[in-house]
């Protein structure tokens, strides 16, 4: 199912409250880092950041490298400490490696691949800054998925077996949460799938914890709605 079209807001026209010269290279990069951190479910101890296209060519001059790391540290786009993010990451024990990568001719020019580690947790995320500080996550662990951080989001990596969606939507009903959009991506029938649920309401931690008690769930992550600052 293609990603749903979203309405244009005043934020799209005016742009984000931010530190840095470019909404795409700076504010968007911060937001991508924050989403990557949320997908990992912890502050990374190691991050391999692959810069593609314009991010690779002009990212250092626009502060994209510092902005991505600031997002991994969960800074807001308006945080004045973004400029010191590389030093702050080192002080926090985060090992950061930057690489130039080619994600293919179809990839957005402002794209990044992130391999994020924290203890036994490892995730691989591809995302793009699509303009005006807006972003899109396009892949998680090599599964093509699409979400923007504009809604509260639940990601569930689980076995592709009958009844999984029924269980998850039953939990949404139990906690009286309205599902705005949902998608399922899988590589093959009966393997593993990543399910994406975007909601109109905050997702409680107890719902995520309940899901992780099922033996068919590899991990579940609550991705809070990104603020515009």
C-alpha atoms as a PDB file:
ATOM      1  CA  UNK A   1       0.000   0.000   0.000  1.00  0.00           C
ATOM      2  CA  UNK A   2       1.521   3.403  -0.958  1.00  0.00           C
ATOM      3  CA  UNK A   3       2.085   5.901   1.866  1.00  0.00           C
ATOM      4  CA  UNK A   4      -0.930   8.093   2.552  1.00  0.00           C
ATOM      5  CA  UNK A   5      -0.820  11.681   1.376  1.00  0.00           C
ATOM      6  CA  UNK A   6      -0.616  14.121   4.222  1.00  0.00           C
ATOM      7  CA  UNK A   7      -2.056  17.620   4.412  1.00  0.00           C
ATOM      8  CA  UNK A   8       0.155  20.682   4.052  1.00  0.00           C
ATOM      9  CA  UNK A   9       0.588  22.567   7.310  1.00  0.00           C
ATOM     10  CA  UNK A  10       1.931  25.987   8.212  1.00  0.00           C
ATOM     11  CA  UNK A  11       5.089  24.185   9.337  1.00  0.00           C
ATOM     12  CA  UNK A  12       5.707  23.072   5.738  1.00  0.00           C
ATOM     13  CA  UNK A  13       5.535  26.673   4.539  1.00  0.00           C
ATOM     14  CA  UNK A  14       7.389  28.470   7.332  1.00  0.00           C
ATOM     15  CA  UNK A  15       9.838  25.698   8.142  1.00  0.00           C
ATOM     16  CA  UNK A  16      11.105  24.310  11.434  1.00  0.00           C
ATOM     17  CA  UNK A  17      12.593  26.179  14.379  1.00  0.00           C
ATOM     18  CA  UNK A  18      16.179  25.136  13.986  1.00  0.00           C
ATOM     19  CA  UNK A  19      19.891  25.721  14.365  1.00  0.00           C
ATOM     20  CA  UNK A  20      21.837  25.580  11.105  1.00  0.00           C
ATOM     21  CA  UNK A  21      21.758  26.877   7.522  1.00  0.00           C
ATOM     22  CA  UNK A  22      19.523  24.310   5.805  1.00  0.00           C
ATOM     23  CA  UNK A  23      16.217  22.760   6.778  1.00  0.00           C
ATOM     24  CA  UNK A  24      16.951  19.672   4.669  1.00  0.00           C
ATOM     25  CA  UNK A  25      20.568  19.193   5.695  1.00  0.00           C
ATOM     26  CA  UNK A  26      20.262  20.287   9.316  1.00  0.00           C
ATOM     27  CA  UNK A  27      16.720  20.135  10.739  1.00  0.00           C
ATOM     28  CA  UNK A  28      15.819  17.124   8.618  1.00  0.00           C
ATOM     29  CA  UNK A  29      19.020  15.365   9.617  1.00  0.00           C
ATOM     30  CA  UNK A  30      18.295  15.949  13.321  1.00  0.00           C
ATOM     31  CA  UNK A  31      14.843  14.428  12.874  1.00  0.00           C
ATOM     32  CA  UNK A  32      16.276  11.419  11.024  1.00  0.00           C
ATOM     33  CA  UNK A  33      18.711  10.818  13.875  1.00  0.00           C
ATOM     34  CA  UNK A  34      15.911  11.035  16.437  1.00  0.00           C
ATOM     35  CA  UNK A  35      13.809   8.525  14.511  1.00  0.00           C
ATOM     36  CA  UNK A  36      16.768   6.171  14.207  1.00  0.00           C
ATOM     37  CA  UNK A  37      17.316   6.360  17.962  1.00  0.00           C
ATOM     38  CA  UNK A  38      13.628   5.632  18.595  1.00  0.00           C
ATOM     39  CA  UNK A  39      13.677   2.634  16.253  1.00  0.00           C
ATOM     40  CA  UNK A  40      16.712   1.266  18.089  1.00  0.00           C
ATOM     41  CA  UNK A  41      14.926   1.929  21.370  1.00  0.00           C
ATOM     42  CA  UNK A  42      18.002   3.333  23.120  1.00  0.00           C
ATOM     43  CA  UNK A  43      20.815   5.820  22.697  1.00  0.00           C
ATOM     44  CA  UNK A  44      23.331   4.150  20.390  1.00  0.00           C
ATOM     45  CA  UNK A  45      26.754   3.200  21.643  1.00  0.00           C
ATOM     46  CA  UNK A  46      27.926   2.851  18.049  1.00  0.00           C
ATOM     47  CA  UNK A  47      26.585   4.456  14.883  1.00  0.00           C
ATOM     48  CA  UNK A  48      27.737   3.920  11.308  1.00  0.00           C
ATOM     49  CA  UNK A  49      26.231   6.734   9.240  1.00  0.00           C
ATOM     50  CA  UNK A  50      26.350   6.398   5.454  1.00  0.00           C
ATOM     51  CA  UNK A  51      25.816   9.695   3.629  1.00  0.00           C
ATOM     52  CA  UNK A  52      24.342   9.572   0.131  1.00  0.00           C
ATOM     53  CA  UNK A  53      24.052  12.159  -2.627  1.00  0.00           C
ATOM     54  CA  UNK A  54      23.842  15.766  -1.501  1.00  0.00           C
ATOM     55  CA  UNK A  55      24.284  14.671   2.109  1.00  0.00           C
ATOM     56  CA  UNK A  56      27.653  13.244   1.064  1.00  0.00           C
ATOM     57  CA  UNK A  57      28.741  16.169  -1.132  1.00  0.00           C
ATOM     58  CA  UNK A  58      27.751  19.152   0.992  1.00  0.00           C
ATOM     59  CA  UNK A  59      26.752  17.630   4.322  1.00  0.00           C
ATOM     60  CA  UNK A  60      29.833  18.676   6.247  1.00  0.00           C
ATOM     61  CA  UNK A  61      29.484  22.307   5.203  1.00  0.00           C
ATOM     62  CA  UNK A  62      25.793  22.310   6.129  1.00  0.00           C
ATOM     63  CA  UNK A  63      26.401  20.538   9.441  1.00  0.00           C
ATOM     64  CA  UNK A  64      24.587  17.345   8.418  1.00  0.00           C
ATOM     65  CA  UNK A  65      27.102  15.186  10.261  1.00  0.00           C
ATOM     66  CA  UNK A  66      26.606  17.087  13.517  1.00  0.00           C
ATOM     67  CA  UNK A  67      22.842  17.236  13.003  1.00  0.00           C
ATOM     68  CA  UNK A  68      22.492  13.469  12.570  1.00  0.00           C
ATOM     69  CA  UNK A  69      24.495  12.831  15.719  1.00  0.00           C
ATOM     70  CA  UNK A  70      22.475  15.474  17.588  1.00  0.00           C
ATOM     71  CA  UNK A  71      19.352  13.530  16.681  1.00  0.00           C
ATOM     72  CA  UNK A  72      20.908  10.322  17.968  1.00  0.00           C
ATOM     73  CA  UNK A  73      21.448  12.233  21.230  1.00  0.00           C
ATOM     74  CA  UNK A  74      17.721  13.156  21.120  1.00  0.00           C
ATOM     75  CA  UNK A  75      18.296  16.889  20.678  1.00  0.00           C
ATOM     76  CA  UNK A  76      15.578  19.143  19.266  1.00  0.00           C
ATOM     77  CA  UNK A  77      16.165  20.984  15.981  1.00  0.00           C
ATOM     78  CA  UNK A  78      16.387  24.241  17.960  1.00  0.00           C
ATOM     79  CA  UNK A  79      18.986  23.005  20.456  1.00  0.00           C
ATOM     80  CA  UNK A  80      22.023  25.355  20.406  1.00  0.00           C
ATOM     81  CA  UNK A  81      24.283  22.434  21.363  1.00  0.00           C
ATOM     82  CA  UNK A  82      23.866  20.797  17.946  1.00  0.00           C
ATOM     83  CA  UNK A  83      27.164  22.363  16.933  1.00  0.00           C
ATOM     84  CA  UNK A  84      28.915  20.453  19.722  1.00  0.00           C
ATOM     85  CA  UNK A  85      27.145  17.141  19.088  1.00  0.00           C
ATOM     86  CA  UNK A  86      30.234  15.232  17.949  1.00  0.00           C
ATOM     87  CA  UNK A  87      32.053  16.125  21.137  1.00  0.00           C
ATOM     88  CA  UNK A  88      28.957  15.417  23.252  1.00  0.00           C
ATOM     89  CA  UNK A  89      28.561  12.006  21.612  1.00  0.00           C
ATOM     90  CA  UNK A  90      32.157  11.152  22.371  1.00  0.00           C
ATOM     91  CA  UNK A  91      31.676  12.229  25.984  1.00  0.00           C
ATOM     92  CA  UNK A  92      28.544  10.030  26.147  1.00  0.00           C
ATOM     93  CA  UNK A  93      30.511   7.004  24.945  1.00  0.00           C
ATOM     94  CA  UNK A  94      29.002   6.915  21.432  1.00  0.00           C
ATOM     95  CA  UNK A  95      31.367   5.737  18.700  1.00  0.00           C
ATOM     96  CA  UNK A  96      30.399   7.401  15.403  1.00  0.00           C
ATOM     97  CA  UNK A  97      31.712   6.445  11.965  1.00  0.00           C
ATOM     98  CA  UNK A  98      30.820   8.378   8.792  1.00  0.00           C
ATOM     99  CA  UNK A  99      30.963   6.811   5.345  1.00  0.00           C
ATOM    100  CA  UNK A 100      30.110   7.884   1.807  1.00  0.00           C
ATOM    101  CA  UNK A 101      27.614   5.431   0.302  1.00  0.00           C
ATOM    102  CA  UNK A 102      25.648   4.989  -2.911  1.00  0.00           C
ATOM    103  CA  UNK A 103      22.059   3.970  -2.157  1.00  0.00           C
ATOM    104  CA  UNK A 104      21.154   3.791  -5.838  1.00  0.00           C
ATOM    105  CA  UNK A 105      19.868   6.194  -8.454  1.00  0.00           C
ATOM    106  CA  UNK A 106      16.317   6.001  -7.114  1.00  0.00           C
ATOM    107  CA  UNK A 107      17.354   7.168  -3.636  1.00  0.00           C
ATOM    108  CA  UNK A 108      16.519  10.712  -2.562  1.00  0.00           C
ATOM    109  CA  UNK A 109      19.658  12.921  -2.747  1.00  0.00           C
ATOM    110  CA  UNK A 110      19.384  13.768   0.955  1.00  0.00           C
ATOM    111  CA  UNK A 111      19.530  10.191   2.241  1.00  0.00           C
ATOM    112  CA  UNK A 112      21.331   8.414   5.039  1.00  0.00           C
ATOM    113  CA  UNK A 113      21.814   4.807   6.025  1.00  0.00           C
ATOM    114  CA  UNK A 114      22.214   4.201   9.754  1.00  0.00           C
ATOM    115  CA  UNK A 115      23.543   1.065  11.420  1.00  0.00           C
ATOM    116  CA  UNK A 116      22.857   1.625  15.109  1.00  0.00           C
ATOM    117  CA  UNK A 117      23.980  -0.536  18.013  1.00  0.00           C
ATOM    118  CA  UNK A 118      23.252  -0.544  21.742  1.00  0.00           C
ATOM    119  CA  UNK A 119      24.305  -3.699  23.577  1.00  0.00           C
ATOM    120  CA  UNK A 120      22.679  -6.632  21.783  1.00  0.00           C
ATOM    121  CA  UNK A 121      20.341  -4.360  19.838  1.00  0.00           C
ATOM    122  CA  UNK A 122      21.222  -3.619  16.218  1.00  0.00           C
ATOM    123  CA  UNK A 123      19.007  -1.943  13.611  1.00  0.00           C
ATOM    124  CA  UNK A 124      19.616  -0.805  10.062  1.00  0.00           C
ATOM    125  CA  UNK A 125      17.631   2.228   8.969  1.00  0.00           C
ATOM    126  CA  UNK A 126      17.451   4.187   5.716  1.00  0.00           C
ATOM    127  CA  UNK A 127      15.799   7.584   5.700  1.00  0.00           C
ATOM    128  CA  UNK A 128      15.618  10.764   3.644  1.00  0.00           C
ATOM    129  CA  UNK A 129      15.185  14.451   4.340  1.00  0.00           C
ATOM    130  CA  UNK A 130      12.539  15.411   1.801  1.00  0.00           C
ATOM    131  CA  UNK A 131      12.437  19.187   2.249  1.00  0.00           C
ATOM    132  CA  UNK A 132      11.451  21.830   4.767  1.00  0.00           C
ATOM    133  CA  UNK A 133      12.744  19.734   7.638  1.00  0.00           C
ATOM    134  CA  UNK A 134      10.333  16.901   6.785  1.00  0.00           C
ATOM    135  CA  UNK A 135      11.671  13.348   6.686  1.00  0.00           C
ATOM    136  CA  UNK A 136      10.685   9.836   5.735  1.00  0.00           C
ATOM    137  CA  UNK A 137      11.953   6.519   7.032  1.00  0.00           C
ATOM    138  CA  UNK A 138      12.154   4.219   4.019  1.00  0.00           C
ATOM    139  CA  UNK A 139      13.620   0.960   5.297  1.00  0.00           C
ATOM    140  CA  UNK A 140      14.219  -0.834   8.590  1.00  0.00           C
ATOM    141  CA  UNK A 141      16.365  -3.963   8.642  1.00  0.00           C
ATOM    142  CA  UNK A 142      16.101  -4.076   4.832  1.00  0.00           C
ATOM    143  CA  UNK A 143      12.286  -4.083   4.891  1.00  0.00           C
ATOM    144  CA  UNK A 144      10.827  -1.247   2.782  1.00  0.00           C
ATOM    145  CA  UNK A 145       8.565   0.776   5.060  1.00  0.00           C
ATOM    146  CA  UNK A 146       7.370   4.370   5.050  1.00  0.00           C
ATOM    147  CA  UNK A 147       6.554   6.676   7.921  1.00  0.00           C
ATOM    148  CA  UNK A 148       7.356  10.296   8.675  1.00  0.00           C
ATOM    149  CA  UNK A 149       7.203  10.789  12.425  1.00  0.00           C
ATOM    150  CA  UNK A 150       4.168  13.023  11.969  1.00  0.00           C
ATOM    151  CA  UNK A 151       2.034  10.520  13.901  1.00  0.00           C
ATOM    152  CA  UNK A 152       2.572   8.368  16.949  1.00  0.00           C
ATOM    153  CA  UNK A 153       3.924   5.158  15.441  1.00  0.00           C
ATOM    154  CA  UNK A 154       4.252   1.541  16.512  1.00  0.00           C
ATOM    155  CA  UNK A 155       6.714  -0.744  14.710  1.00  0.00           C
ATOM    156  CA  UNK A 156       6.452  -4.488  15.285  1.00  0.00           C
ATOM    157  CA  UNK A 157       8.980  -6.963  13.884  1.00  0.00           C
ATOM    158  CA  UNK A 158       7.380 -10.382  14.174  1.00  0.00           C
ATOM    159  CA  UNK A 159       6.848 -13.748  12.569  1.00  0.00           C
ATOM    160  CA  UNK A 160       4.470 -13.644   9.637  1.00  0.00           C
ATOM    161  CA  UNK A 161       1.771 -15.924  11.013  1.00  0.00           C
ATOM    162  CA  UNK A 162      -2.033 -15.862  11.097  1.00  0.00           C
ATOM    163  CA  UNK A 163      -3.609 -13.777  13.839  1.00  0.00           C
ATOM    164  CA  UNK A 164      -0.792 -11.327  14.516  1.00  0.00           C
ATOM    165  CA  UNK A 165      -2.664  -8.278  13.233  1.00  0.00           C
ATOM    166  CA  UNK A 166      -5.739  -9.379  15.169  1.00  0.00           C
ATOM    167  CA  UNK A 167      -3.739  -9.436  18.414  1.00  0.00           C
ATOM    168  CA  UNK A 168      -2.173  -6.026  17.791  1.00  0.00           C
ATOM    169  CA  UNK A 169      -5.393  -4.320  16.771  1.00  0.00           C
ATOM    170  CA  UNK A 170      -7.074  -5.933  19.774  1.00  0.00           C
ATOM    171  CA  UNK A 171      -4.571  -4.151  22.015  1.00  0.00           C
ATOM    172  CA  UNK A 172      -5.321  -0.875  20.249  1.00  0.00           C
ATOM    173  CA  UNK A 173      -9.016  -1.453  20.924  1.00  0.00           C
ATOM    174  CA  UNK A 174      -8.330  -2.332  24.565  1.00  0.00           C
ATOM    175  CA  UNK A 175      -6.450   0.935  25.106  1.00  0.00           C
ATOM    176  CA  UNK A 176      -8.953   2.908  22.971  1.00  0.00           C
ATOM    177  CA  UNK A 177      -6.437   4.048  20.383  1.00  0.00           C
ATOM    178  CA  UNK A 178      -7.482   5.027  16.876  1.00  0.00           C
ATOM    179  CA  UNK A 179      -5.350   3.698  14.010  1.00  0.00           C
ATOM    180  CA  UNK A 180      -4.773   6.341  11.341  1.00  0.00           C
ATOM    181  CA  UNK A 181      -2.700   4.203   8.937  1.00  0.00           C
ATOM    182  CA  UNK A 182      -1.315   0.665   8.945  1.00  0.00           C
ATOM    183  CA  UNK A 183       0.947  -1.322   6.645  1.00  0.00           C
ATOM    184  CA  UNK A 184       2.673  -4.700   6.642  1.00  0.00           C
ATOM    185  CA  UNK A 185       5.923  -5.393   4.788  1.00  0.00           C
ATOM    186  CA  UNK A 186       7.382  -8.867   4.393  1.00  0.00           C
ATOM    187  CA  UNK A 187      10.025 -10.544   2.242  1.00  0.00           C
ATOM    188  CA  UNK A 188       8.319 -13.895   1.964  1.00  0.00           C
ATOM    189  CA  UNK A 189       5.245 -15.678   3.194  1.00  0.00           C
ATOM    190  CA  UNK A 190       5.733 -17.316   6.572  1.00  0.00           C
ATOM    191  CA  UNK A 191       8.982 -15.477   7.292  1.00  0.00           C
ATOM    192  CA  UNK A 192       9.235 -12.263   9.251  1.00  0.00           C
ATOM    193  CA  UNK A 193       7.305  -9.063   8.687  1.00  0.00           C
ATOM    194  CA  UNK A 194       7.485  -5.502   9.954  1.00  0.00           C
ATOM    195  CA  UNK A 195       4.130  -3.974  10.786  1.00  0.00           C
ATOM    196  CA  UNK A 196       3.646  -0.211  10.965  1.00  0.00           C
ATOM    197  CA  UNK A 197       0.755   1.389  12.834  1.00  0.00           C
ATOM    198  CA  UNK A 198       0.343   5.173  12.931  1.00  0.00           C
ATOM    199  CA  UNK A 199      -2.156   6.433  15.487  1.00  0.00           C
ATOM    200  CA  UNK A 200      -4.003   9.589  16.453  1.00  0.00           C
ATOM    201  CA  UNK A 201      -3.284   9.013  20.151  1.00  0.00           C
ATOM    202  CA  UNK A 202      -0.212   8.488  22.347  1.00  0.00           C
ATOM    203  CA  UNK A 203       0.825   4.829  22.528  1.00  0.00           C
ATOM    204  CA  UNK A 204       1.257   3.652  26.144  1.00  0.00           C
ATOM    205  CA  UNK A 205       4.357   1.727  27.197  1.00  0.00           C
ATOM    206  CA  UNK A 206       2.160  -1.063  28.587  1.00  0.00           C
ATOM    207  CA  UNK A 207       0.921  -1.837  25.075  1.00  0.00           C
ATOM    208  CA  UNK A 208       4.478  -2.228  23.787  1.00  0.00           C
ATOM    209  CA  UNK A 209       5.436  -4.340  26.802  1.00  0.00           C
ATOM    210  CA  UNK A 210       2.395  -6.562  26.268  1.00  0.00           C
ATOM    211  CA  UNK A 211       3.402  -7.180  22.658  1.00  0.00           C
ATOM    212  CA  UNK A 212       6.962  -8.101  23.558  1.00  0.00           C
ATOM    213  CA  UNK A 213       5.640 -10.874  25.811  1.00  0.00           C
ATOM    214  CA  UNK A 214       4.513 -12.823  22.719  1.00  0.00           C
ATOM    215  CA  UNK A 215       7.074 -15.347  21.502  1.00  0.00           C
ATOM    216  CA  UNK A 216       6.369 -14.458  17.861  1.00  0.00           C
ATOM    217  CA  UNK A 217       7.427 -10.820  18.361  1.00  0.00           C
ATOM    218  CA  UNK A 218      11.132 -10.102  17.834  1.00  0.00           C
ATOM    219  CA  UNK A 219      10.809  -6.491  18.940  1.00  0.00           C
ATOM    220  CA  UNK A 220       8.267  -3.716  19.225  1.00  0.00           C
ATOM    221  CA  UNK A 221       9.058   0.001  19.270  1.00  0.00           C
ATOM    222  CA  UNK A 222       7.007   3.074  20.079  1.00  0.00           C
ATOM    223  CA  UNK A 223       8.123   5.992  17.896  1.00  0.00           C
ATOM    224  CA  UNK A 224       6.808   9.209  19.494  1.00  0.00           C
ATOM    225  CA  UNK A 225       5.463  11.916  17.229  1.00  0.00           C
ATOM    226  CA  UNK A 226       8.250  14.322  16.352  1.00  0.00           C
ATOM    227  CA  UNK A 227       7.849  17.878  17.573  1.00  0.00           C
ATOM    228  CA  UNK A 228       8.498  20.675  15.088  1.00  0.00           C
ATOM    229  CA  UNK A 229      11.315  22.122  17.157  1.00  0.00           C
END
